[in-house]
Amino acid sequence: MTGDETDARKKMPKIQHGRHEIREIWVSDKPELMAYLNEFSNFEDIGQIFRIHRHVEHYEKSVVIKTTHEVIVGFTSLPADRANPRSLLDLNRKHWTIELNHNMIDSRLQKADHSA
């Protein structure tokens, strides 16, 4: 897959937590692009760049009440032979799950400080 552009798509199998989510990723590890990014950025050893598009339908009583779209771009030091597009999608989702847990813990600690 080196030097190639690839994509992957992942759907949540059913409505979960009142929403249906589709996540798509576009990944590139073209050697000339990686060389350019490694030369002109403050980061070393960029292995791949990616763009993730999240399309979420929010439901209430089986009716779509809101649709949201989010696009993020990023890069990773993981080369294509160690992280394919599907695994990058999974890693990204796990990262935000951890961030959400940290934010919940922080807010609980702040409430505890204010009530003491």
N, C-alpha and C. Protein backbone atom coordinates (compact mmCIF):
# COMPACT_ATOMS: atom_id res chain seq x y z
N MET A 1 0.82 -1.19 0.00
CA MET A 1 0.00 0.00 0.00
C MET A 1 0.86 1.26 0.00
N THR A 2 2.15 1.16 0.13
CA THR A 2 3.03 2.32 0.16
C THR A 2 2.87 3.14 -1.10
N GLY A 3 2.80 4.47 -0.92
CA GLY A 3 2.68 5.37 -2.04
C GLY A 3 1.29 5.43 -2.63
N ASP A 4 0.34 4.89 -1.93
CA ASP A 4 -1.02 4.80 -2.45
C ASP A 4 -1.95 5.67 -1.61
N GLU A 5 -3.10 5.99 -2.18
CA GLU A 5 -4.15 6.66 -1.43
C GLU A 5 -5.26 5.64 -1.24
N THR A 6 -5.74 5.52 -0.03
CA THR A 6 -6.76 4.53 0.25
C THR A 6 -7.85 5.15 1.11
N ASP A 7 -8.97 4.48 1.17
CA ASP A 7 -10.02 4.95 2.05
C ASP A 7 -10.73 3.77 2.69
N ALA A 8 -11.45 4.06 3.72
CA ALA A 8 -12.22 3.04 4.42
C ALA A 8 -13.48 3.70 4.93
N ARG A 9 -14.48 2.90 5.16
CA ARG A 9 -15.76 3.42 5.65
C ARG A 9 -16.23 2.50 6.77
N LYS A 10 -16.73 3.08 7.82
CA LYS A 10 -17.20 2.28 8.93
C LYS A 10 -18.54 2.84 9.39
N LYS A 11 -19.53 1.97 9.47
CA LYS A 11 -20.85 2.37 9.92
C LYS A 11 -21.13 1.74 11.27
N MET A 12 -21.81 2.50 12.13
CA MET A 12 -22.33 1.89 13.34
C MET A 12 -23.49 1.01 12.88
N PRO A 13 -23.57 -0.23 13.33
CA PRO A 13 -24.54 -1.18 12.79
C PRO A 13 -25.99 -0.81 13.05
N LYS A 14 -26.27 -0.03 14.05
CA LYS A 14 -27.65 0.34 14.37
C LYS A 14 -27.62 1.66 15.10
N ILE A 15 -28.78 2.18 15.37
CA ILE A 15 -28.86 3.42 16.13
C ILE A 15 -28.41 3.13 17.56
N GLN A 16 -27.38 3.85 17.99
CA GLN A 16 -26.86 3.70 19.35
C GLN A 16 -26.81 5.06 20.00
N HIS A 17 -27.27 5.14 21.24
CA HIS A 17 -27.27 6.39 21.99
C HIS A 17 -28.00 7.49 21.22
N GLY A 18 -29.06 7.11 20.50
CA GLY A 18 -29.86 8.09 19.78
C GLY A 18 -29.22 8.64 18.53
N ARG A 19 -28.26 7.91 17.97
CA ARG A 19 -27.61 8.41 16.76
C ARG A 19 -27.11 7.27 15.89
N HIS A 20 -26.96 7.58 14.62
CA HIS A 20 -26.37 6.66 13.64
C HIS A 20 -25.19 7.39 13.04
N GLU A 21 -24.03 6.77 13.08
CA GLU A 21 -22.80 7.44 12.67
C GLU A 21 -22.11 6.68 11.54
N ILE A 22 -21.65 7.45 10.55
CA ILE A 22 -20.82 6.90 9.49
C ILE A 22 -19.50 7.66 9.53
N ARG A 23 -18.41 6.92 9.63
CA ARG A 23 -17.08 7.54 9.62
C ARG A 23 -16.34 7.05 8.39
N GLU A 24 -15.76 7.98 7.65
CA GLU A 24 -14.97 7.64 6.46
C GLU A 24 -13.59 8.24 6.62
N ILE A 25 -12.60 7.54 6.11
CA ILE A 25 -11.23 8.03 6.21
C ILE A 25 -10.56 7.96 4.84
N TRP A 26 -9.78 8.95 4.55
CA TRP A 26 -8.92 8.99 3.37
C TRP A 26 -7.50 9.08 3.90
N VAL A 27 -6.62 8.24 3.40
CA VAL A 27 -5.25 8.16 3.91
C VAL A 27 -4.27 8.21 2.74
N SER A 28 -3.17 8.93 2.94
CA SER A 28 -2.12 8.94 1.92
C SER A 28 -0.76 8.79 2.60
N ASP A 29 0.10 8.04 1.93
CA ASP A 29 1.48 7.91 2.38
C ASP A 29 2.42 8.08 1.18
N LYS A 30 2.01 8.93 0.23
CA LYS A 30 2.84 9.16 -0.96
C LYS A 30 4.22 9.65 -0.52
N PRO A 31 5.27 9.02 -1.02
CA PRO A 31 6.62 9.36 -0.57
C PRO A 31 6.97 10.84 -0.73
N GLU A 32 6.60 11.45 -1.86
CA GLU A 32 6.94 12.86 -2.07
C GLU A 32 6.20 13.77 -1.09
N LEU A 33 4.98 13.43 -0.75
CA LEU A 33 4.22 14.21 0.22
C LEU A 33 4.79 14.04 1.62
N MET A 34 5.14 12.81 1.99
CA MET A 34 5.73 12.56 3.31
C MET A 34 7.08 13.28 3.44
N ALA A 35 7.88 13.27 2.38
CA ALA A 35 9.18 13.96 2.41
C ALA A 35 8.98 15.45 2.62
N TYR A 36 8.01 16.03 1.92
CA TYR A 36 7.73 17.46 2.06
C TYR A 36 7.29 17.79 3.48
N LEU A 37 6.33 17.02 4.02
CA LEU A 37 5.83 17.28 5.36
C LEU A 37 6.92 17.11 6.41
N ASN A 38 7.74 16.08 6.28
CA ASN A 38 8.82 15.85 7.24
C ASN A 38 9.87 16.95 7.19
N GLU A 39 10.09 17.52 5.99
CA GLU A 39 11.10 18.57 5.85
C GLU A 39 10.62 19.91 6.40
N PHE A 40 9.35 20.24 6.21
CA PHE A 40 8.87 21.58 6.54
C PHE A 40 7.97 21.65 7.77
N SER A 41 7.87 20.60 8.54
CA SER A 41 7.06 20.65 9.76
C SER A 41 7.97 20.53 10.98
N ASN A 42 7.39 20.78 12.13
CA ASN A 42 8.12 20.62 13.38
C ASN A 42 8.04 19.20 13.91
N PHE A 43 7.42 18.32 13.15
CA PHE A 43 7.25 16.94 13.56
C PHE A 43 8.19 16.05 12.76
N GLU A 44 8.65 15.00 13.39
CA GLU A 44 9.55 14.08 12.71
C GLU A 44 8.82 12.79 12.36
N ASP A 45 9.25 12.18 11.29
CA ASP A 45 8.78 10.85 10.92
C ASP A 45 7.28 10.74 10.71
N ILE A 46 6.71 11.65 9.92
CA ILE A 46 5.30 11.53 9.57
C ILE A 46 5.18 10.36 8.60
N GLY A 47 4.37 9.38 8.96
CA GLY A 47 4.22 8.18 8.13
C GLY A 47 3.03 8.24 7.19
N GLN A 48 1.94 8.89 7.64
CA GLN A 48 0.73 8.98 6.84
C GLN A 48 -0.04 10.24 7.24
N ILE A 49 -0.78 10.77 6.30
CA ILE A 49 -1.73 11.83 6.61
C ILE A 49 -3.12 11.26 6.38
N PHE A 50 -4.11 11.84 7.08
CA PHE A 50 -5.47 11.32 6.92
C PHE A 50 -6.50 12.44 7.06
N ARG A 51 -7.66 12.18 6.51
CA ARG A 51 -8.83 13.04 6.67
C ARG A 51 -9.99 12.13 7.05
N ILE A 52 -10.66 12.47 8.14
CA ILE A 52 -11.81 11.70 8.60
C ILE A 52 -13.06 12.55 8.48
N HIS A 53 -14.08 11.99 7.87
CA HIS A 53 -15.38 12.64 7.76
C HIS A 53 -16.37 11.87 8.62
N ARG A 54 -17.02 12.57 9.54
CA ARG A 54 -18.04 11.96 10.39
C ARG A 54 -19.41 12.52 10.00
N HIS A 55 -20.30 11.65 9.67
CA HIS A 55 -21.68 12.01 9.34
C HIS A 55 -22.55 11.36 10.41
N VAL A 56 -23.27 12.18 11.17
CA VAL A 56 -24.06 11.64 12.28
C VAL A 56 -25.51 12.10 12.14
N GLU A 57 -26.41 11.14 12.21
CA GLU A 57 -27.84 11.43 12.26
C GLU A 57 -28.29 11.22 13.70
N HIS A 58 -28.87 12.27 14.28
CA HIS A 58 -29.36 12.22 15.66
C HIS A 58 -30.86 11.93 15.62
N TYR A 59 -31.28 10.94 16.40
CA TYR A 59 -32.66 10.48 16.38
C TYR A 59 -33.37 10.77 17.70
N GLU A 60 -34.66 11.01 17.56
CA GLU A 60 -35.54 11.07 18.71
C GLU A 60 -36.83 10.37 18.31
N LYS A 61 -37.16 9.32 18.99
CA LYS A 61 -38.35 8.51 18.68
C LYS A 61 -38.34 8.05 17.22
N SER A 62 -37.21 7.53 16.79
CA SER A 62 -37.03 6.97 15.43
C SER A 62 -37.12 8.00 14.31
N VAL A 63 -37.02 9.28 14.63
CA VAL A 63 -37.07 10.33 13.62
C VAL A 63 -35.76 11.13 13.69
N VAL A 64 -35.17 11.39 12.52
CA VAL A 64 -33.95 12.20 12.47
C VAL A 64 -34.30 13.63 12.84
N ILE A 65 -33.68 14.14 13.91
CA ILE A 65 -33.95 15.51 14.32
C ILE A 65 -32.81 16.46 13.97
N LYS A 66 -31.63 15.89 13.71
CA LYS A 66 -30.48 16.72 13.37
C LYS A 66 -29.45 15.86 12.66
N THR A 67 -28.77 16.45 11.69
CA THR A 67 -27.67 15.79 11.01
C THR A 67 -26.44 16.67 11.14
N THR A 68 -25.33 16.06 11.52
CA THR A 68 -24.08 16.82 11.65
C THR A 68 -23.00 16.20 10.79
N HIS A 69 -22.09 17.05 10.35
CA HIS A 69 -20.92 16.62 9.57
C HIS A 69 -19.69 17.24 10.22
N GLU A 70 -18.65 16.45 10.32
CA GLU A 70 -17.39 16.95 10.88
C GLU A 70 -16.26 16.37 10.06
N VAL A 71 -15.30 17.21 9.72
CA VAL A 71 -14.11 16.76 8.99
C VAL A 71 -12.89 17.13 9.82
N ILE A 72 -12.04 16.15 10.06
CA ILE A 72 -10.78 16.41 10.74
C ILE A 72 -9.64 15.92 9.87
N VAL A 73 -8.51 16.56 10.00
CA VAL A 73 -7.31 16.13 9.30
C VAL A 73 -6.22 15.90 10.34
N GLY A 74 -5.31 15.01 10.02
CA GLY A 74 -4.24 14.72 10.95
C GLY A 74 -3.15 13.92 10.30
N PHE A 75 -2.19 13.56 11.11
CA PHE A 75 -1.10 12.73 10.62
C PHE A 75 -0.66 11.81 11.74
N THR A 76 0.04 10.77 11.36
CA THR A 76 0.54 9.80 12.31
C THR A 76 1.94 9.38 11.90
N SER A 77 2.71 8.96 12.88
CA SER A 77 4.04 8.43 12.58
C SER A 77 3.95 6.96 12.15
N LEU A 78 2.80 6.35 12.32
CA LEU A 78 2.64 4.94 11.95
C LEU A 78 2.65 4.78 10.43
N PRO A 79 3.52 3.94 9.90
CA PRO A 79 3.53 3.70 8.45
C PRO A 79 2.34 2.82 8.04
N ALA A 80 2.07 2.82 6.74
CA ALA A 80 0.91 2.08 6.22
C ALA A 80 0.98 0.59 6.52
N ASP A 81 2.16 0.03 6.59
CA ASP A 81 2.24 -1.41 6.87
C ASP A 81 1.95 -1.74 8.33
N ARG A 82 1.90 -0.74 9.20
CA ARG A 82 1.56 -0.96 10.61
C ARG A 82 0.16 -0.46 10.97
N ALA A 83 -0.41 0.42 10.14
CA ALA A 83 -1.74 0.96 10.44
C ALA A 83 -2.48 1.22 9.14
N ASN A 84 -3.40 0.31 8.80
CA ASN A 84 -4.21 0.51 7.61
C ASN A 84 -5.33 1.50 7.92
N PRO A 85 -6.09 1.93 6.91
CA PRO A 85 -7.14 2.92 7.15
C PRO A 85 -8.14 2.51 8.23
N ARG A 86 -8.58 1.26 8.22
CA ARG A 86 -9.56 0.83 9.23
C ARG A 86 -8.98 0.92 10.64
N SER A 87 -7.72 0.54 10.81
CA SER A 87 -7.14 0.62 12.15
C SER A 87 -6.93 2.07 12.58
N LEU A 88 -6.64 2.97 11.62
CA LEU A 88 -6.54 4.39 11.97
C LEU A 88 -7.89 4.94 12.43
N LEU A 89 -8.97 4.53 11.78
CA LEU A 89 -10.31 4.93 12.23
C LEU A 89 -10.57 4.46 13.66
N ASP A 90 -10.21 3.20 13.93
CA ASP A 90 -10.42 2.66 15.27
C ASP A 90 -9.56 3.37 16.31
N LEU A 91 -8.31 3.63 15.97
CA LEU A 91 -7.42 4.36 16.90
C LEU A 91 -7.95 5.76 17.18
N ASN A 92 -8.44 6.43 16.15
CA ASN A 92 -8.98 7.78 16.34
C ASN A 92 -10.19 7.75 17.27
N ARG A 93 -11.06 6.80 17.07
CA ARG A 93 -12.25 6.69 17.92
C ARG A 93 -11.86 6.40 19.37
N LYS A 94 -10.91 5.50 19.58
CA LYS A 94 -10.46 5.19 20.94
C LYS A 94 -9.82 6.42 21.60
N HIS A 95 -9.09 7.20 20.82
CA HIS A 95 -8.46 8.41 21.36
C HIS A 95 -9.52 9.35 21.92
N TRP A 96 -10.59 9.57 21.16
CA TRP A 96 -11.62 10.50 21.62
C TRP A 96 -12.44 9.93 22.76
N THR A 97 -12.55 8.62 22.86
CA THR A 97 -13.22 8.01 24.00
C THR A 97 -12.42 8.29 25.27
N ILE A 98 -11.11 8.18 25.18
CA ILE A 98 -10.24 8.47 26.33
C ILE A 98 -10.34 9.94 26.70
N GLU A 99 -10.32 10.84 25.70
CA GLU A 99 -10.43 12.27 25.97
C GLU A 99 -11.75 12.59 26.68
N LEU A 100 -12.83 11.98 26.22
CA LEU A 100 -14.14 12.20 26.84
C LEU A 100 -14.11 11.77 28.30
N ASN A 101 -13.51 10.63 28.59
CA ASN A 101 -13.42 10.16 29.98
C ASN A 101 -12.61 11.12 30.83
N HIS A 102 -11.52 11.65 30.29
CA HIS A 102 -10.72 12.63 31.03
C HIS A 102 -11.53 13.88 31.33
N ASN A 103 -12.29 14.36 30.34
CA ASN A 103 -13.10 15.55 30.55
C ASN A 103 -14.17 15.32 31.62
N MET A 104 -14.77 14.14 31.63
CA MET A 104 -15.79 13.83 32.64
C MET A 104 -15.16 13.80 34.03
N ILE A 105 -13.99 13.20 34.16
CA ILE A 105 -13.31 13.15 35.45
C ILE A 105 -12.93 14.55 35.90
N ASP A 106 -12.40 15.37 34.99
CA ASP A 106 -12.03 16.75 35.34
C ASP A 106 -13.23 17.55 35.83
N SER A 107 -14.36 17.41 35.15
CA SER A 107 -15.54 18.18 35.55
C SER A 107 -16.05 17.71 36.92
N ARG A 108 -15.98 16.41 37.18
CA ARG A 108 -16.39 15.90 38.50
C ARG A 108 -15.47 16.43 39.60
N LEU A 109 -14.18 16.46 39.33
CA LEU A 109 -13.25 16.98 40.32
C LEU A 109 -13.48 18.47 40.58
N GLN A 110 -13.77 19.22 39.53
CA GLN A 110 -14.04 20.65 39.69
C GLN A 110 -15.31 20.87 40.53
N LYS A 111 -16.35 20.05 40.30
CA LYS A 111 -17.58 20.16 41.09
C LYS A 111 -17.30 19.82 42.55
N ALA A 112 -16.46 18.79 42.77
CA ALA A 112 -16.11 18.40 44.14
C ALA A 112 -15.34 19.51 44.84
N ASP A 113 -14.44 20.20 44.12
CA ASP A 113 -13.68 21.31 44.70
C ASP A 113 -14.58 22.46 45.10
N HIS A 114 -15.59 22.74 44.26
CA HIS A 114 -16.49 23.86 44.52
C HIS A 114 -17.46 23.57 45.66
N SER A 115 -17.78 22.31 45.86
CA SER A 115 -18.74 21.97 46.91
C SER A 115 -18.07 21.78 48.27
N ALA A 116 -16.76 21.70 48.28
CA ALA A 116 -16.05 21.48 49.55
C ALA A 116 -15.87 22.77 50.32
